[in-house]
Protein backbone atom coordinates (compact mmCIF):
# COMPACT_ATOMS: atom_id res chain seq x y z
CA MET A 1 45.57 170.71 24.71
CA GLU A 2 49.21 169.68 23.54
CA ASN A 3 50.16 166.14 22.12
CA ARG A 4 54.02 165.20 22.92
CA ILE A 5 54.82 162.10 20.79
CA THR A 6 58.22 160.49 19.67
CA VAL A 7 58.59 160.20 15.92
CA THR A 8 61.70 158.47 13.83
CA ILE A 9 62.95 160.49 10.75
CA CYS A 10 65.89 158.96 9.09
CA GLY A 11 66.76 156.74 12.41
CA THR A 12 66.64 159.63 14.38
CA ASP A 13 64.23 159.99 17.24
CA TYR A 14 62.36 163.61 17.26
CA THR A 15 59.78 164.78 19.62
CA LEU A 16 57.06 166.49 18.56
CA MET A 17 54.52 168.81 20.47
CA ALA A 18 51.29 169.84 18.64
CA GLU A 19 48.07 170.49 19.23
CA GLU A 20 47.09 167.75 16.54
CA SER A 21 46.43 164.52 17.33
CA PRO A 22 49.22 161.46 17.77
CA SER A 23 48.35 159.49 14.91
CA TYR A 24 48.10 162.48 12.69
CA MET A 25 51.74 163.30 14.05
CA GLN A 26 52.76 160.10 12.95
CA LYS A 27 51.74 160.81 9.21
CA VAL A 28 53.36 164.11 9.32
CA ALA A 29 56.41 162.10 10.35
CA ALA A 30 56.06 159.12 8.10
CA LEU A 31 55.72 161.54 5.38
CA VAL A 32 58.77 163.48 5.68
CA ASP A 33 60.99 160.42 6.48
CA GLY A 34 59.35 158.63 3.53
CA LYS A 35 60.33 161.72 1.25
CA MET A 36 63.96 161.87 2.76
CA ASN A 37 64.89 157.97 2.40
CA GLU A 38 63.53 158.43 -0.92
CA LEU A 39 65.75 161.41 -1.67
CA MET A 40 68.82 159.67 0.16
CA THR A 41 68.11 156.47 -2.05
CA ALA A 42 67.79 158.23 -5.49
CA GLY A 43 70.41 160.24 -5.16
CA HIS A 44 72.66 159.01 -2.70
CA LEU A 45 72.54 162.49 -0.65
CA SER A 46 72.99 163.19 2.78
CA ARG A 47 70.57 163.42 5.20
CA MET A 48 70.85 167.35 5.45
CA ASP A 49 70.49 167.63 1.56
CA ALA A 50 67.87 164.92 1.74
CA ALA A 51 66.26 167.25 4.49
CA VAL A 52 66.27 170.21 2.24
CA LEU A 53 64.99 168.93 -0.39
CA ALA A 54 62.10 166.70 1.28
CA ALA A 55 61.28 170.07 2.67
CA VAL A 56 61.40 172.01 -0.88
CA ASN A 57 59.12 169.34 -2.45
CA ILE A 58 56.58 169.29 0.38
CA ALA A 59 56.47 173.45 0.43
CA ASP A 60 56.14 172.71 -3.23
CA ASP A 61 53.43 170.32 -2.97
CA MET A 62 51.47 172.61 -0.12
CA LEU A 63 51.74 175.46 -2.44
CA LYS A 64 50.23 173.94 -5.29
CA GLN A 65 47.30 172.54 -2.77
CA GLN A 66 46.98 175.89 -1.40
CA GLY A 67 46.49 177.31 -5.02
CA SER A 68 43.81 174.39 -6.18
CA THR A 69 42.19 174.92 -2.87
CA GLU A 70 41.71 179.06 -3.91
CA ASN A 71 40.72 178.10 -7.27
CA LEU A 72 38.00 175.80 -5.67
CA ARG A 73 36.86 178.41 -3.62
CA SER A 74 36.60 180.93 -6.54
CA GLN A 75 34.36 178.36 -8.33
CA LEU A 76 32.37 177.91 -5.22
CA LYS A 77 32.01 181.67 -5.07
CA GLY A 78 30.76 181.60 -8.89
CA TYR A 79 28.24 178.93 -8.34
CA LEU A 80 26.79 180.46 -5.56
CA ASP A 81 26.39 184.18 -6.97
CA GLU A 82 24.45 182.42 -10.06
CA ALA A 83 22.33 180.42 -7.69
CA ASN A 84 21.36 183.54 -5.86
CA ARG A 85 20.85 185.93 -8.94
CA ALA A 86 18.60 182.43 -10.54
CA LYS A 87 16.82 182.83 -6.68
CA ALA A 88 16.19 186.47 -7.09
CA GLU A 89 14.93 185.58 -10.63
CA LEU A 90 12.64 182.94 -9.77
CA SER A 91 11.12 185.36 -7.22
CA GLU A 92 10.67 188.07 -9.76
CA CYS A 93 8.72 185.89 -11.93
CA LYS A 94 6.59 184.51 -9.34
CA ARG A 95 5.42 187.74 -8.36
CA GLU A 96 4.96 188.91 -11.91
CA ILE A 97 2.90 185.48 -12.21
CA PHE A 98 0.84 186.22 -8.70
CA LYS A 99 0.03 189.89 -10.37
CA LEU A 100 -1.09 188.12 -13.78
CA GLN A 101 -3.21 185.73 -11.98
CA GLN A 102 -4.87 188.84 -10.07
CA GLN A 103 -5.43 190.57 -13.18
CA LEU A 104 -7.12 187.81 -14.82
CA GLN A 105 -9.64 187.19 -11.50
CA LYS A 106 -10.55 190.55 -11.97
CA LYS A 107 -11.85 190.12 -15.26
């Protein structure tokens, strides 16, 4: 279900339609509004320039987060592989202990 919400970014109202909740879309709009206002205040930029720089900054943050996420996935896969190897080794040790116990009982 698509949600329709009106948000204000840099004094202009925009109607957004998205699958996400209205509260989430408000957070997104607040982030963009905050970045744009910060850039406009600090650099005395036009709204258009602030919008482009805000988009570049947000895209940069997103790409860095994707890289971090991929690193975490890779680490997690390594840990899971290591755990599976340890589990297999444990099973082999249990089989060996069982065999040794059987041999001791025969004596």
